[in-house]
Amino acid sequence: MGTSVSKLSKEDLKKLRDATYFDKRELQQWYKGFLRDCPSGQLSEEEFAKVYKQFFPFGDPTEYCHYLFLVFDLDNSKYIDFKEFIVALSITSRGSEEQKINWTFKLYDYKKTGRLTYNDILPIIQATYKMIGPMVALPDDEKTPELRTEKWFKVLGKNKDTDEITLEDFLKLAKSDSAIMNSLNTYQGLV
């Protein structure tokens, strides 16, 4: 799908309908919009960050976008094509709770080890705090990225210095942490 074509082929439409929660009409509209914003049919990390900056004018989403980009770029091509974009959008906007949690785990598991250490999680939370800027009031036990990361380990009864968080742990954590659950539903209803 890397080439710029004004319409999706019947075969591509069928594949995308099977891989997403979008119908034919929605896929065609999203494709048209994607090509309008990305005439080459590919979105670079820099362009991706520019789009995000529009939604976070009081913070800096650049670092967060780097990690997010890694989850979107399934083939590691350094570009997001329409298929990668629409599959991620489908999961984050219309996927089940478990699909969203799995997808979010992949954001933190940027090293693709299947396990998260304190030092894996901290940069993502730091990037998130930079992105949201000073506009969000945080509870005392989450005032800093370090405190928020430590809290995750405490909630799971784990030692931040020696233990790791698995996908199974992350599922438990997400269900007990309202901030994670709220972030999972950010795009629900918008798409």
N, C-alpha and C. Protein backbone atom coordinates (compact mmCIF):
# COMPACT_ATOMS: atom_id res chain seq x y z
N MET A 1 0.79 -1.21 0.00
CA MET A 1 0.00 0.00 0.00
C MET A 1 0.83 1.26 0.00
N GLY A 2 2.11 1.17 -0.16
CA GLY A 2 2.98 2.32 -0.06
C GLY A 2 2.81 3.34 -1.17
N THR A 3 2.21 2.95 -2.30
CA THR A 3 2.05 3.90 -3.39
C THR A 3 0.76 4.67 -3.21
N SER A 4 0.76 5.88 -3.72
CA SER A 4 -0.40 6.75 -3.58
C SER A 4 -1.42 6.46 -4.68
N VAL A 5 -2.56 5.96 -4.29
CA VAL A 5 -3.65 5.67 -5.21
C VAL A 5 -4.88 6.34 -4.64
N SER A 6 -5.71 6.94 -5.50
CA SER A 6 -6.83 7.71 -4.98
C SER A 6 -7.95 6.84 -4.40
N LYS A 7 -8.01 5.57 -4.78
CA LYS A 7 -9.04 4.66 -4.27
C LYS A 7 -8.41 3.37 -3.80
N LEU A 8 -9.05 2.75 -2.81
CA LEU A 8 -8.61 1.44 -2.37
C LEU A 8 -9.14 0.39 -3.34
N SER A 9 -8.33 -0.60 -3.63
CA SER A 9 -8.80 -1.69 -4.50
C SER A 9 -9.82 -2.53 -3.73
N LYS A 10 -10.59 -3.31 -4.45
CA LYS A 10 -11.58 -4.19 -3.81
C LYS A 10 -10.88 -5.15 -2.86
N GLU A 11 -9.72 -5.66 -3.30
CA GLU A 11 -8.96 -6.60 -2.47
C GLU A 11 -8.48 -5.93 -1.18
N ASP A 12 -7.93 -4.71 -1.30
CA ASP A 12 -7.47 -3.99 -0.11
C ASP A 12 -8.64 -3.67 0.82
N LEU A 13 -9.76 -3.27 0.25
CA LEU A 13 -10.95 -2.99 1.06
C LEU A 13 -11.38 -4.23 1.84
N LYS A 14 -11.41 -5.37 1.18
CA LYS A 14 -11.82 -6.60 1.85
C LYS A 14 -10.86 -6.93 2.99
N LYS A 15 -9.56 -6.84 2.72
CA LYS A 15 -8.56 -7.14 3.76
C LYS A 15 -8.72 -6.20 4.95
N LEU A 16 -8.94 -4.91 4.67
CA LEU A 16 -9.07 -3.94 5.75
C LEU A 16 -10.39 -4.11 6.51
N ARG A 17 -11.44 -4.49 5.81
CA ARG A 17 -12.71 -4.76 6.50
C ARG A 17 -12.55 -5.95 7.43
N ASP A 18 -11.78 -6.95 7.01
CA ASP A 18 -11.54 -8.13 7.84
C ASP A 18 -10.63 -7.81 9.03
N ALA A 19 -9.72 -6.85 8.86
CA ALA A 19 -8.73 -6.54 9.88
C ALA A 19 -9.15 -5.41 10.83
N THR A 20 -10.26 -4.73 10.52
CA THR A 20 -10.67 -3.58 11.34
C THR A 20 -12.15 -3.66 11.69
N TYR A 21 -12.59 -2.66 12.44
CA TYR A 21 -14.00 -2.53 12.79
C TYR A 21 -14.68 -1.45 11.95
N PHE A 22 -14.11 -1.13 10.80
CA PHE A 22 -14.67 -0.11 9.92
C PHE A 22 -15.38 -0.75 8.74
N ASP A 23 -16.44 -0.10 8.28
CA ASP A 23 -17.13 -0.61 7.09
C ASP A 23 -16.49 0.01 5.83
N LYS A 24 -16.96 -0.41 4.69
CA LYS A 24 -16.39 0.01 3.40
C LYS A 24 -16.39 1.52 3.25
N ARG A 25 -17.52 2.15 3.55
CA ARG A 25 -17.64 3.60 3.40
C ARG A 25 -16.66 4.33 4.32
N GLU A 26 -16.58 3.88 5.57
CA GLU A 26 -15.66 4.52 6.52
C GLU A 26 -14.21 4.37 6.06
N LEU A 27 -13.86 3.19 5.60
CA LEU A 27 -12.49 2.96 5.13
C LEU A 27 -12.15 3.89 3.96
N GLN A 28 -13.10 4.03 3.04
CA GLN A 28 -12.87 4.91 1.89
C GLN A 28 -12.70 6.36 2.34
N GLN A 29 -13.50 6.80 3.31
CA GLN A 29 -13.39 8.18 3.81
C GLN A 29 -12.06 8.38 4.52
N TRP A 30 -11.69 7.43 5.38
CA TRP A 30 -10.41 7.54 6.08
C TRP A 30 -9.24 7.55 5.08
N TYR A 31 -9.34 6.72 4.05
CA TYR A 31 -8.27 6.66 3.05
C TYR A 31 -8.13 7.99 2.32
N LYS A 32 -9.25 8.56 1.95
CA LYS A 32 -9.25 9.85 1.26
C LYS A 32 -8.58 10.92 2.14
N GLY A 33 -8.95 10.94 3.41
CA GLY A 33 -8.36 11.90 4.34
C GLY A 33 -6.88 11.65 4.57
N PHE A 34 -6.51 10.38 4.66
CA PHE A 34 -5.10 10.03 4.86
C PHE A 34 -4.26 10.53 3.68
N LEU A 35 -4.75 10.31 2.47
CA LEU A 35 -4.02 10.76 1.28
C LEU A 35 -3.99 12.29 1.16
N ARG A 36 -5.04 12.93 1.64
CA ARG A 36 -5.05 14.40 1.62
C ARG A 36 -3.93 14.94 2.53
N ASP A 37 -3.80 14.30 3.71
CA ASP A 37 -2.77 14.73 4.66
C ASP A 37 -1.39 14.16 4.34
N CYS A 38 -1.35 13.02 3.67
CA CYS A 38 -0.09 12.34 3.32
C CYS A 38 -0.16 11.91 1.86
N PRO A 39 0.04 12.84 0.93
CA PRO A 39 -0.08 12.50 -0.49
C PRO A 39 0.82 11.36 -0.94
N SER A 40 1.93 11.15 -0.25
CA SER A 40 2.84 10.06 -0.62
C SER A 40 2.29 8.70 -0.19
N GLY A 41 1.27 8.72 0.68
CA GLY A 41 0.74 7.47 1.20
C GLY A 41 1.51 6.95 2.39
N GLN A 42 2.48 7.74 2.86
CA GLN A 42 3.29 7.34 4.01
C GLN A 42 3.45 8.53 4.95
N LEU A 43 3.39 8.23 6.24
CA LEU A 43 3.52 9.24 7.28
C LEU A 43 4.83 9.02 8.03
N SER A 44 5.69 10.03 8.03
CA SER A 44 6.96 9.90 8.74
C SER A 44 6.74 10.20 10.23
N GLU A 45 7.71 9.85 11.04
CA GLU A 45 7.61 10.12 12.48
C GLU A 45 7.51 11.63 12.73
N GLU A 46 8.24 12.41 11.97
CA GLU A 46 8.21 13.87 12.12
C GLU A 46 6.82 14.43 11.80
N GLU A 47 6.22 13.94 10.73
CA GLU A 47 4.87 14.38 10.35
C GLU A 47 3.84 13.92 11.39
N PHE A 48 4.04 12.73 11.89
CA PHE A 48 3.17 12.17 12.92
C PHE A 48 3.19 13.07 14.16
N ALA A 49 4.38 13.49 14.57
CA ALA A 49 4.51 14.37 15.73
C ALA A 49 3.85 15.73 15.49
N LYS A 50 3.96 16.25 14.27
CA LYS A 50 3.31 17.53 13.94
C LYS A 50 1.81 17.46 14.13
N VAL A 51 1.22 16.35 13.72
CA VAL A 51 -0.23 16.16 13.88
C VAL A 51 -0.57 16.15 15.37
N TYR A 52 0.20 15.42 16.16
CA TYR A 52 -0.07 15.32 17.60
C TYR A 52 0.07 16.67 18.30
N LYS A 53 0.99 17.49 17.84
CA LYS A 53 1.21 18.80 18.48
C LYS A 53 -0.04 19.67 18.43
N GLN A 54 -0.88 19.46 17.43
CA GLN A 54 -2.12 20.22 17.33
C GLN A 54 -3.06 19.91 18.49
N PHE A 55 -2.98 18.70 19.02
CA PHE A 55 -3.87 18.29 20.10
C PHE A 55 -3.31 18.58 21.49
N PHE A 56 -2.03 18.88 21.57
CA PHE A 56 -1.39 19.14 22.85
C PHE A 56 -0.59 20.45 22.79
N PRO A 57 -1.29 21.58 22.64
CA PRO A 57 -0.60 22.86 22.45
C PRO A 57 0.18 23.34 23.68
N PHE A 58 -0.12 22.79 24.86
CA PHE A 58 0.56 23.26 26.06
C PHE A 58 1.70 22.35 26.49
N GLY A 59 1.91 21.28 25.74
CA GLY A 59 2.98 20.35 26.06
C GLY A 59 3.78 20.03 24.81
N ASP A 60 4.70 19.10 24.96
CA ASP A 60 5.53 18.68 23.84
C ASP A 60 5.37 17.17 23.63
N PRO A 61 4.63 16.76 22.60
CA PRO A 61 4.39 15.33 22.38
C PRO A 61 5.47 14.61 21.59
N THR A 62 6.58 15.27 21.26
CA THR A 62 7.59 14.69 20.38
C THR A 62 8.09 13.32 20.86
N GLU A 63 8.50 13.23 22.13
CA GLU A 63 9.03 11.96 22.64
C GLU A 63 7.94 10.90 22.70
N TYR A 64 6.75 11.28 23.14
CA TYR A 64 5.64 10.34 23.21
C TYR A 64 5.35 9.78 21.81
N CYS A 65 5.35 10.67 20.83
CA CYS A 65 5.08 10.26 19.45
C CYS A 65 6.11 9.25 18.95
N HIS A 66 7.35 9.39 19.41
CA HIS A 66 8.37 8.43 19.02
C HIS A 66 7.95 7.02 19.42
N TYR A 67 7.54 6.85 20.68
CA TYR A 67 7.14 5.53 21.16
C TYR A 67 5.84 5.07 20.50
N LEU A 68 4.91 5.99 20.33
CA LEU A 68 3.65 5.66 19.69
C LEU A 68 3.87 5.24 18.24
N PHE A 69 4.77 5.94 17.58
CA PHE A 69 5.10 5.63 16.19
C PHE A 69 5.61 4.19 16.06
N LEU A 70 6.40 3.75 17.03
CA LEU A 70 6.93 2.38 17.00
C LEU A 70 5.81 1.34 17.03
N VAL A 71 4.70 1.65 17.70
CA VAL A 71 3.58 0.71 17.76
C VAL A 71 2.80 0.71 16.45
N PHE A 72 2.66 1.88 15.83
CA PHE A 72 1.95 1.99 14.56
C PHE A 72 2.74 1.35 13.41
N ASP A 73 4.05 1.55 13.40
CA ASP A 73 4.90 1.11 12.29
C ASP A 73 5.19 -0.39 12.41
N LEU A 74 4.22 -1.19 12.05
CA LEU A 74 4.30 -2.64 12.24
C LEU A 74 5.43 -3.30 11.46
N ASP A 75 5.75 -2.76 10.28
CA ASP A 75 6.80 -3.38 9.47
C ASP A 75 8.18 -2.73 9.65
N ASN A 76 8.29 -1.82 10.61
CA ASN A 76 9.56 -1.14 10.91
C ASN A 76 10.16 -0.43 9.71
N SER A 77 9.31 0.10 8.85
CA SER A 77 9.77 0.78 7.64
C SER A 77 10.16 2.24 7.87
N LYS A 78 9.93 2.74 9.06
CA LYS A 78 10.16 4.15 9.42
C LYS A 78 9.07 5.07 8.85
N TYR A 79 8.00 4.44 8.37
CA TYR A 79 6.83 5.17 7.88
C TYR A 79 5.57 4.41 8.29
N ILE A 80 4.49 5.15 8.46
CA ILE A 80 3.19 4.54 8.71
C ILE A 80 2.41 4.64 7.41
N ASP A 81 1.98 3.49 6.89
CA ASP A 81 1.13 3.53 5.70
C ASP A 81 -0.33 3.48 6.16
N PHE A 82 -1.24 3.54 5.21
CA PHE A 82 -2.65 3.60 5.57
C PHE A 82 -3.09 2.37 6.34
N LYS A 83 -2.65 1.20 5.92
CA LYS A 83 -3.06 -0.03 6.60
C LYS A 83 -2.64 0.00 8.07
N GLU A 84 -1.40 0.37 8.33
CA GLU A 84 -0.91 0.44 9.71
C GLU A 84 -1.72 1.46 10.52
N PHE A 85 -1.98 2.60 9.89
CA PHE A 85 -2.73 3.66 10.55
C PHE A 85 -4.14 3.20 10.90
N ILE A 86 -4.85 2.61 9.94
CA ILE A 86 -6.26 2.28 10.14
C ILE A 86 -6.42 1.10 11.10
N VAL A 87 -5.50 0.15 11.08
CA VAL A 87 -5.58 -0.97 12.01
C VAL A 87 -5.40 -0.47 13.45
N ALA A 88 -4.42 0.40 13.67
CA ALA A 88 -4.21 0.96 15.01
C ALA A 88 -5.41 1.80 15.44
N LEU A 89 -5.92 2.61 14.53
CA LEU A 89 -7.08 3.44 14.85
C LEU A 89 -8.29 2.58 15.18
N SER A 90 -8.47 1.50 14.47
CA SER A 90 -9.58 0.59 14.72
C SER A 90 -9.50 0.00 16.13
N ILE A 91 -8.33 -0.47 16.50
CA ILE A 91 -8.16 -1.06 17.83
C ILE A 91 -8.37 -0.01 18.92
N THR A 92 -7.74 1.15 18.76
CA THR A 92 -7.80 2.17 19.81
C THR A 92 -9.16 2.84 19.91
N SER A 93 -9.93 2.83 18.83
CA SER A 93 -11.23 3.50 18.89
C SER A 93 -12.40 2.54 19.08
N ARG A 94 -12.29 1.33 18.53
CA ARG A 94 -13.44 0.42 18.55
C ARG A 94 -13.11 -0.97 19.06
N GLY A 95 -11.87 -1.20 19.42
CA GLY A 95 -11.49 -2.53 19.89
C GLY A 95 -12.06 -2.83 21.26
N SER A 96 -11.97 -4.08 21.64
CA SER A 96 -12.43 -4.48 22.98
C SER A 96 -11.46 -3.92 24.01
N GLU A 97 -11.88 -3.95 25.26
CA GLU A 97 -11.02 -3.49 26.35
C GLU A 97 -9.70 -4.26 26.34
N GLU A 98 -9.78 -5.56 26.16
CA GLU A 98 -8.56 -6.38 26.16
C GLU A 98 -7.65 -6.04 24.98
N GLN A 99 -8.23 -5.81 23.80
CA GLN A 99 -7.42 -5.42 22.64
C GLN A 99 -6.70 -4.10 22.91
N LYS A 100 -7.40 -3.17 23.52
CA LYS A 100 -6.80 -1.86 23.82
C LYS A 100 -5.68 -2.00 24.84
N ILE A 101 -5.89 -2.84 25.84
CA ILE A 101 -4.85 -3.05 26.85
C ILE A 101 -3.63 -3.72 26.22
N ASN A 102 -3.85 -4.72 25.38
CA ASN A 102 -2.73 -5.38 24.68
C ASN A 102 -1.96 -4.38 23.83
N TRP A 103 -2.70 -3.52 23.12
CA TRP A 103 -2.07 -2.52 22.26
C TRP A 103 -1.26 -1.54 23.10
N THR A 104 -1.81 -1.12 24.24
CA THR A 104 -1.12 -0.19 25.12
C THR A 104 0.13 -0.83 25.72
N PHE A 105 0.05 -2.10 26.05
CA PHE A 105 1.22 -2.82 26.54
C PHE A 105 2.36 -2.74 25.52
N LYS A 106 2.01 -2.87 24.24
CA LYS A 106 3.02 -2.79 23.18
C LYS A 106 3.70 -1.43 23.15
N LEU A 107 2.96 -0.39 23.51
CA LEU A 107 3.56 0.95 23.59
C LEU A 107 4.69 0.96 24.61
N TYR A 108 4.44 0.37 25.77
CA TYR A 108 5.47 0.33 26.82
C TYR A 108 6.55 -0.71 26.51
N ASP A 109 6.20 -1.73 25.76
CA ASP A 109 7.13 -2.81 25.42
C ASP A 109 7.84 -2.50 24.09
N TYR A 110 8.36 -1.30 23.97
CA TYR A 110 9.01 -0.86 22.72
C TYR A 110 10.27 -1.67 22.41
N LYS A 111 10.83 -2.36 23.41
CA LYS A 111 11.98 -3.22 23.16
C LYS A 111 11.54 -4.62 22.72
N LYS A 112 10.24 -4.85 22.76
CA LYS A 112 9.63 -6.11 22.31
C LYS A 112 10.17 -7.34 23.05
N THR A 113 10.24 -7.23 24.39
CA THR A 113 10.71 -8.34 25.21
C THR A 113 9.57 -9.12 25.86
N GLY A 114 8.37 -8.51 25.88
CA GLY A 114 7.25 -9.15 26.55
C GLY A 114 7.23 -8.92 28.05
N ARG A 115 8.20 -8.14 28.54
CA ARG A 115 8.31 -7.83 29.97
C ARG A 115 8.73 -6.37 30.12
N LEU A 116 8.16 -5.73 31.13
CA LEU A 116 8.47 -4.31 31.35
C LEU A 116 9.20 -4.13 32.67
N THR A 117 10.34 -3.45 32.61
CA THR A 117 11.06 -3.08 33.82
C THR A 117 10.69 -1.64 34.15
N TYR A 118 11.07 -1.22 35.34
CA TYR A 118 10.88 0.18 35.74
C TYR A 118 11.50 1.11 34.69
N ASN A 119 12.71 0.76 34.22
CA ASN A 119 13.41 1.60 33.26
C ASN A 119 12.82 1.56 31.85
N ASP A 120 11.99 0.56 31.57
CA ASP A 120 11.26 0.54 30.29
C ASP A 120 10.05 1.47 30.36
N ILE A 121 9.38 1.45 31.47
CA ILE A 121 8.13 2.20 31.65
C ILE A 121 8.39 3.69 31.84
N LEU A 122 9.40 4.03 32.63
CA LEU A 122 9.66 5.42 32.99
C LEU A 122 9.75 6.38 31.79
N PRO A 123 10.49 6.05 30.72
CA PRO A 123 10.58 7.02 29.62
C PRO A 123 9.23 7.31 28.95
N ILE A 124 8.35 6.31 28.91
CA ILE A 124 7.03 6.52 28.30
C ILE A 124 6.21 7.46 29.19
N ILE A 125 6.26 7.22 30.47
CA ILE A 125 5.50 8.08 31.39
C ILE A 125 6.10 9.49 31.40
N GLN A 126 7.42 9.61 31.34
CA GLN A 126 8.04 10.94 31.24
C GLN A 126 7.57 11.65 29.97
N ALA A 127 7.54 10.92 28.87
CA ALA A 127 7.10 11.50 27.60
C ALA A 127 5.63 11.91 27.67
N THR A 128 4.83 11.12 28.36
CA THR A 128 3.41 11.44 28.53
C THR A 128 3.25 12.73 29.33
N TYR A 129 4.01 12.87 30.41
CA TYR A 129 3.94 14.07 31.23
C TYR A 129 4.38 15.31 30.43
N LYS A 130 5.41 15.16 29.60
CA LYS A 130 5.85 16.28 28.75
C LYS A 130 4.76 16.65 27.75
N MET A 131 4.05 15.64 27.26
CA MET A 131 3.02 15.87 26.25
C MET A 131 1.83 16.62 26.85
N ILE A 132 1.37 16.20 28.02
CA ILE A 132 0.18 16.84 28.58
C ILE A 132 0.51 18.20 29.19
N GLY A 133 1.77 18.42 29.52
CA GLY A 133 2.17 19.72 30.05
C GLY A 133 1.53 20.00 31.40
N PRO A 134 1.44 21.26 31.77
CA PRO A 134 0.95 21.62 33.10
C PRO A 134 -0.58 21.69 33.22
N MET A 135 -1.28 21.24 32.20
CA MET A 135 -2.73 21.43 32.16
C MET A 135 -3.54 20.41 32.97
N VAL A 136 -2.90 19.34 33.44
CA VAL A 136 -3.63 18.30 34.15
C VAL A 136 -3.18 18.26 35.61
N ALA A 137 -4.15 18.32 36.51
CA ALA A 137 -3.84 18.21 37.94
C ALA A 137 -3.69 16.74 38.28
N LEU A 138 -2.58 16.41 38.93
CA LEU A 138 -2.29 15.01 39.24
C LEU A 138 -2.34 14.78 40.74
N PRO A 139 -2.73 13.57 41.15
CA PRO A 139 -2.71 13.24 42.58
C PRO A 139 -1.28 13.27 43.11
N ASP A 140 -1.14 13.45 44.42
CA ASP A 140 0.19 13.55 45.02
C ASP A 140 1.08 12.35 44.71
N ASP A 141 0.50 11.16 44.65
CA ASP A 141 1.33 9.97 44.41
C ASP A 141 1.65 9.76 42.93
N GLU A 142 1.30 10.77 42.10
CA GLU A 142 1.61 10.72 40.67
C GLU A 142 2.17 12.06 40.17
N LYS A 143 2.62 12.89 41.07
CA LYS A 143 3.10 14.24 40.70
C LYS A 143 4.28 14.21 39.75
N THR A 144 5.06 13.15 39.80
CA THR A 144 6.22 13.02 38.90
C THR A 144 6.12 11.70 38.14
N PRO A 145 6.78 11.60 37.01
CA PRO A 145 6.79 10.32 36.28
C PRO A 145 7.36 9.18 37.13
N GLU A 146 8.35 9.50 37.96
CA GLU A 146 8.96 8.48 38.81
C GLU A 146 7.94 7.93 39.81
N LEU A 147 7.17 8.84 40.42
CA LEU A 147 6.16 8.40 41.38
C LEU A 147 5.08 7.56 40.70
N ARG A 148 4.67 7.97 39.52
CA ARG A 148 3.63 7.23 38.78
C ARG A 148 4.14 5.82 38.42
N THR A 149 5.37 5.74 37.97
CA THR A 149 5.94 4.44 37.60
C THR A 149 6.07 3.55 38.83
N GLU A 150 6.56 4.12 39.93
CA GLU A 150 6.68 3.36 41.18
C GLU A 150 5.32 2.87 41.64
N LYS A 151 4.28 3.69 41.47
CA LYS A 151 2.93 3.32 41.89
C LYS A 151 2.47 2.06 41.16
N TRP A 152 2.77 1.95 39.88
CA TRP A 152 2.37 0.76 39.13
C TRP A 152 2.94 -0.50 39.78
N PHE A 153 4.21 -0.44 40.15
CA PHE A 153 4.84 -1.61 40.77
C PHE A 153 4.23 -1.90 42.14
N LYS A 154 3.96 -0.85 42.90
CA LYS A 154 3.35 -1.03 44.23
C LYS A 154 1.97 -1.66 44.11
N VAL A 155 1.16 -1.17 43.18
CA VAL A 155 -0.19 -1.71 42.99
C VAL A 155 -0.14 -3.21 42.69
N LEU A 156 0.87 -3.62 41.96
CA LEU A 156 1.02 -5.03 41.59
C LEU A 156 1.79 -5.84 42.64
N GLY A 157 2.22 -5.17 43.72
CA GLY A 157 2.99 -5.87 44.76
C GLY A 157 4.35 -6.30 44.28
N LYS A 158 4.94 -5.49 43.40
CA LYS A 158 6.24 -5.83 42.81
C LYS A 158 7.31 -4.83 43.25
N ASN A 159 8.55 -5.29 43.20
CA ASN A 159 9.70 -4.44 43.51
C ASN A 159 10.17 -3.78 42.23
N LYS A 160 10.21 -2.46 42.21
CA LYS A 160 10.59 -1.73 40.99
C LYS A 160 12.04 -1.98 40.58
N ASP A 161 12.87 -2.37 41.53
CA ASP A 161 14.29 -2.58 41.24
C ASP A 161 14.60 -3.96 40.68
N THR A 162 13.74 -4.94 40.96
CA THR A 162 14.07 -6.30 40.55
C THR A 162 12.99 -7.00 39.74
N ASP A 163 11.75 -6.57 39.87
CA ASP A 163 10.65 -7.27 39.20
C ASP A 163 10.31 -6.66 37.85
N GLU A 164 9.57 -7.44 37.07
CA GLU A 164 9.11 -7.00 35.75
C GLU A 164 7.59 -7.14 35.70
N ILE A 165 6.99 -6.38 34.78
CA ILE A 165 5.55 -6.44 34.57
C ILE A 165 5.30 -7.16 33.25
N THR A 166 4.51 -8.22 33.32
CA THR A 166 4.14 -8.99 32.12
C THR A 166 2.83 -8.44 31.57
N LEU A 167 2.41 -8.95 30.44
CA LEU A 167 1.12 -8.56 29.87
C LEU A 167 0.00 -8.90 30.84
N GLU A 168 0.09 -10.07 31.46
CA GLU A 168 -0.93 -10.48 32.44
C GLU A 168 -1.00 -9.48 33.60
N ASP A 169 0.17 -9.05 34.09
CA ASP A 169 0.22 -8.04 35.15
C ASP A 169 -0.39 -6.73 34.65
N PHE A 170 -0.06 -6.37 33.43
CA PHE A 170 -0.54 -5.10 32.87
C PHE A 170 -2.06 -5.11 32.72
N LEU A 171 -2.62 -6.27 32.37
CA LEU A 171 -4.08 -6.40 32.30
C LEU A 171 -4.70 -6.11 33.67
N LYS A 172 -4.12 -6.66 34.73
CA LYS A 172 -4.61 -6.41 36.10
C LYS A 172 -4.45 -4.93 36.45
N LEU A 173 -3.29 -4.39 36.13
CA LEU A 173 -3.00 -2.99 36.45
C LEU A 173 -3.99 -2.06 35.74
N ALA A 174 -4.20 -2.30 34.46
CA ALA A 174 -5.10 -1.44 33.68
C ALA A 174 -6.51 -1.45 34.25
N LYS A 175 -6.96 -2.60 34.70
CA LYS A 175 -8.32 -2.71 35.23
C LYS A 175 -8.45 -2.05 36.60
N SER A 176 -7.33 -1.86 37.30
CA SER A 176 -7.40 -1.24 38.62
C SER A 176 -6.99 0.24 38.61
N ASP A 177 -6.48 0.71 37.50
CA ASP A 177 -5.98 2.10 37.41
C ASP A 177 -6.89 2.91 36.48
N SER A 178 -7.65 3.82 37.06
CA SER A 178 -8.62 4.59 36.27
C SER A 178 -7.95 5.44 35.19
N ALA A 179 -6.73 5.90 35.43
CA ALA A 179 -6.04 6.72 34.42
C ALA A 179 -5.72 5.89 33.17
N ILE A 180 -5.32 4.64 33.37
CA ILE A 180 -5.04 3.77 32.23
C ILE A 180 -6.35 3.49 31.49
N MET A 181 -7.38 3.16 32.23
CA MET A 181 -8.67 2.86 31.60
C MET A 181 -9.20 4.08 30.84
N ASN A 182 -9.06 5.26 31.41
CA ASN A 182 -9.51 6.48 30.72
C ASN A 182 -8.72 6.69 29.43
N SER A 183 -7.41 6.46 29.48
CA SER A 183 -6.60 6.66 28.27
C SER A 183 -6.96 5.64 27.19
N LEU A 184 -7.39 4.46 27.59
CA LEU A 184 -7.78 3.44 26.62
C LEU A 184 -9.03 3.85 25.84
N ASN A 185 -9.83 4.70 26.45
CA ASN A 185 -11.09 5.10 25.82
C ASN A 185 -11.04 6.50 25.25
N THR A 186 -9.84 7.05 25.07
CA THR A 186 -9.67 8.39 24.55
C THR A 186 -10.34 8.58 23.19
N TYR A 187 -10.21 7.59 22.31
CA TYR A 187 -10.70 7.74 20.95
C TYR A 187 -12.11 7.15 20.74
N GLN A 188 -12.62 6.51 21.79
CA GLN A 188 -13.95 5.89 21.66
C GLN A 188 -15.01 6.96 21.45
N GLY A 189 -15.84 6.77 20.47
CA GLY A 189 -16.89 7.74 20.19
C GLY A 189 -16.47 8.85 19.26
N LEU A 190 -15.16 9.04 19.08
CA LEU A 190 -14.67 10.08 18.17
C LEU A 190 -14.64 9.58 16.75
N VAL A 191 -14.54 8.28 16.59
CA VAL A 191 -14.38 7.69 15.27
C VAL A 191 -15.59 6.85 14.92
